[in-house]
Amino acid sequence: MKIVRLRNPFSTTLPNLPGAAPDTLLLQWCAFVGLLAFVTVLLARHNVWGILKDADPTGITMTILAVFTGATFWCGRRCHVLAEERRALDAWISSHRQRAGRGLPAALPLQARHTTDYLQAVERKRSLNHVENGQLTDVLAERLHGPSEGAWWVNGIQIKLGLLGKVIGFSILALQISQIESFDPSQTQTLLKSLTGGLGVALLTTAVGLVANILLGFQLVRLDRCADAILADALYFVETDLQSAAR
């Protein structure tokens, strides 16, 4: 005979909060960087980087690549920080549901100060019978999303550098055309080679800037979505588990 357990509709036990595993975002970033490293080595074997460097005497293309590389490693560090914040939130939830009490969990990640500060502040307000946590939630949202604002600005800089290279390239092309005094059919090849130099700078810098912007934007979107999930789960925990315990 199979025994079926019915869920008590008056139980205060809440379902588990939605959210990814703490290290999921970091592992995804590592896989993404591994793919970028593979493509980088593949392009190096075909001397693509040397061609880009020689085709762009302004150095804007290499500047864009340097900015993208630095921003990508910053994203990796940010993934680690958000993973610590997620781990701290999970520790709070687990400790609260196991002990059904208050206070700091036994073990917390050292770098997860934002989530810990938020939940400690909520606990203090709850002990004083203050249930309004809107301002604390705004502070947590700013702390989780604030660092990404500068990264999005850097992401926009890559497109602006590409457009700057485009303007410089077409300016070089215009100067070369203005210096042509007469057309000699015997010098057609030399003339075309000199004219395409400026056009190459314009197209290469724009293309590299757009590709770098897309790849970095993908990483920043994933960071923002992870921060949104941490904020949503923290707010859900405060408004359900902690409020139920307060009653």
Foldseek 3Di string as FASTA:
>chain_A
DDDDDDDDPPDLDDDDADDDQLCPLLVVLVVVVVVVVVVVVVCVVVVVVVVLPVLAVVCLLVVLVVLLVVLSVVLNVLSNLLSQLVQLVVQVVVVCVVVVDDDHGPDGDPSNVLLVVLVVVLVVCLVVVHQDSVVSLVVSLCVQCVVLVVSLVSLVVLQVSLQVQLVQLVVQLVVLVVPDDDDDVVCVVVSVVSNCSSVSSNVSSNVSSVVSSVSSVVSSVSSVVSSVSSSVRSVVCSVRSVVVSSD
